Amino acid sequence: MAQEKAQSTRVFLGRVSSIEERTDRDFPYKRVSFVATETFKGTPTRDVQLTTGMGDGDCGYFFETGQEYVVYAYGKEDELVAGYCSLTGSPSDPRSGLEELRDGS
């Protein structure tokens, strides 16, 4: 978990407020908006937007509107990306590392 956090641009706990499917240059993706409730890395910001793939072998995460997630996001602050191939996941999943993040690890 510490290595994943170190490699991430932003790590936060947040609830999905909206998901929008888009296509850019024939490449489909999802634009996901969050309301962040806790920030573990990066500048604390209430509203966070990122992109993820569609989930067809592109590590896209199947976020659901209204659900809460621990998110490990990569890339530039204005072009964050998150996906299934990281520790991003439900706060109740020990793999997401929420307890360690809260302990300051």
Protein backbone atom coordinates (compact mmCIF):
# COMPACT_ATOMS: atom_id res chain seq x y z
CA MET A 1 0.00 0.00 0.00
CA ALA A 2 2.81 2.45 0.85
CA GLN A 3 4.41 1.93 -2.57
CA GLU A 4 1.11 2.49 -4.38
CA LYS A 5 0.53 5.67 -2.37
CA ALA A 6 4.05 6.91 -3.15
CA GLN A 7 3.51 6.36 -6.89
CA SER A 8 0.08 8.05 -6.92
CA THR A 9 -0.57 11.72 -7.56
CA ARG A 10 -3.64 11.81 -5.35
CA VAL A 11 -5.11 9.34 -2.84
CA PHE A 12 -8.53 10.03 -1.36
CA LEU A 13 -11.78 8.62 -0.01
CA GLY A 14 -14.78 9.88 -1.90
CA ARG A 15 -18.30 9.24 -3.13
CA VAL A 16 -19.09 9.15 -6.86
CA SER A 17 -21.38 12.05 -7.77
CA SER A 18 -21.58 11.41 -11.53
CA ILE A 19 -20.27 9.25 -14.36
CA GLU A 20 -20.21 10.36 -17.98
CA GLU A 21 -19.23 8.11 -20.88
CA ARG A 22 -17.15 9.87 -23.53
CA THR A 23 -15.20 9.10 -26.67
CA ASP A 24 -12.04 10.93 -27.69
CA ARG A 25 -10.36 9.99 -30.97
CA ASP A 26 -12.38 6.77 -31.11
CA PHE A 27 -11.22 5.83 -27.61
CA PRO A 28 -14.14 5.34 -25.18
CA TYR A 29 -13.66 6.18 -21.50
CA LYS A 30 -15.59 7.36 -18.45
CA ARG A 31 -15.28 10.74 -16.74
CA VAL A 32 -16.00 10.20 -13.03
CA SER A 33 -16.70 12.98 -10.53
CA PHE A 34 -16.24 12.49 -6.80
CA VAL A 35 -16.98 14.38 -3.62
CA ALA A 36 -13.84 13.72 -1.58
CA THR A 37 -14.33 13.28 2.17
CA GLU A 38 -10.73 12.49 3.16
CA THR A 39 -7.45 13.22 1.36
CA PHE A 40 -4.38 11.09 2.06
CA LYS A 41 -2.10 12.46 -0.66
CA GLY A 42 -2.36 15.57 -2.79
CA THR A 43 -3.99 18.93 -2.14
CA PRO A 44 -7.27 18.48 -0.24
CA THR A 45 -10.09 19.27 -2.67
CA ARG A 46 -13.77 18.56 -2.23
CA ASP A 47 -14.51 17.94 -5.93
CA VAL A 48 -12.24 15.55 -7.85
CA GLN A 49 -12.62 14.43 -11.46
CA LEU A 50 -10.74 11.63 -13.15
CA THR A 51 -10.98 9.25 -16.07
CA THR A 52 -11.08 5.49 -16.22
CA GLY A 53 -11.38 2.99 -19.05
CA MET A 54 -14.49 1.09 -19.99
CA GLY A 55 -13.25 -2.13 -18.36
CA ASP A 56 -12.60 -4.20 -21.47
CA GLY A 57 -8.99 -5.08 -20.71
CA ASP A 58 -8.02 -1.43 -20.20
CA CYS A 59 -7.97 -1.56 -16.37
CA GLY A 60 -11.12 0.57 -16.29
CA TYR A 61 -12.80 0.54 -12.88
CA PHE A 62 -16.55 -0.05 -12.64
CA PHE A 63 -17.40 2.89 -10.39
CA GLU A 64 -21.05 3.26 -9.37
CA THR A 65 -22.80 6.58 -8.71
CA GLY A 66 -23.49 7.10 -5.00
CA GLN A 67 -20.88 4.57 -3.87
CA GLU A 68 -17.78 5.38 -1.83
CA TYR A 69 -14.25 4.40 -2.88
CA VAL A 70 -10.65 4.71 -1.80
CA VAL A 71 -9.03 6.07 -4.97
CA TYR A 72 -5.37 5.93 -6.00
CA ALA A 73 -5.16 8.36 -8.93
CA TYR A 74 -2.23 8.94 -11.28
CA GLY A 75 -1.16 11.56 -13.78
CA LYS A 76 -1.30 15.34 -13.80
CA GLU A 77 -3.67 17.03 -11.34
CA ASP A 78 -5.95 18.15 -14.20
CA GLU A 79 -5.78 14.76 -15.99
CA LEU A 80 -6.08 12.17 -13.20
CA VAL A 81 -6.64 8.52 -14.09
CA ALA A 82 -7.66 5.60 -11.87
CA GLY A 83 -8.34 1.97 -12.60
CA TYR A 84 -8.79 -1.59 -11.48
CA CYS A 85 -5.07 -2.34 -11.82
CA SER A 86 -4.38 -0.21 -8.72
CA LEU A 87 -5.52 -0.55 -5.10
CA THR A 88 -8.60 1.60 -5.85
CA GLY A 89 -11.63 -0.04 -4.29
CA SER A 90 -14.32 -0.17 -1.67
CA PRO A 91 -13.36 1.22 1.75
CA SER A 92 -14.50 -2.07 3.29
CA ASP A 93 -12.01 -4.04 1.16
CA PRO A 94 -8.76 -4.46 3.15
CA ARG A 95 -6.84 -4.35 -0.16
CA SER A 96 -7.71 -0.64 -0.52
CA GLY A 97 -5.58 0.11 2.55
CA LEU A 98 -7.99 2.56 4.21
CA GLU A 99 -6.94 1.66 7.76
CA GLU A 100 -3.25 2.12 6.94
CA LEU A 101 -3.98 5.40 5.16
CA ARG A 102 -5.84 6.69 8.20
CA ASP A 103 -2.96 5.58 10.45
CA GLY A 104 -0.61 7.71 8.34
CA SER A 105 1.29 4.83 6.78
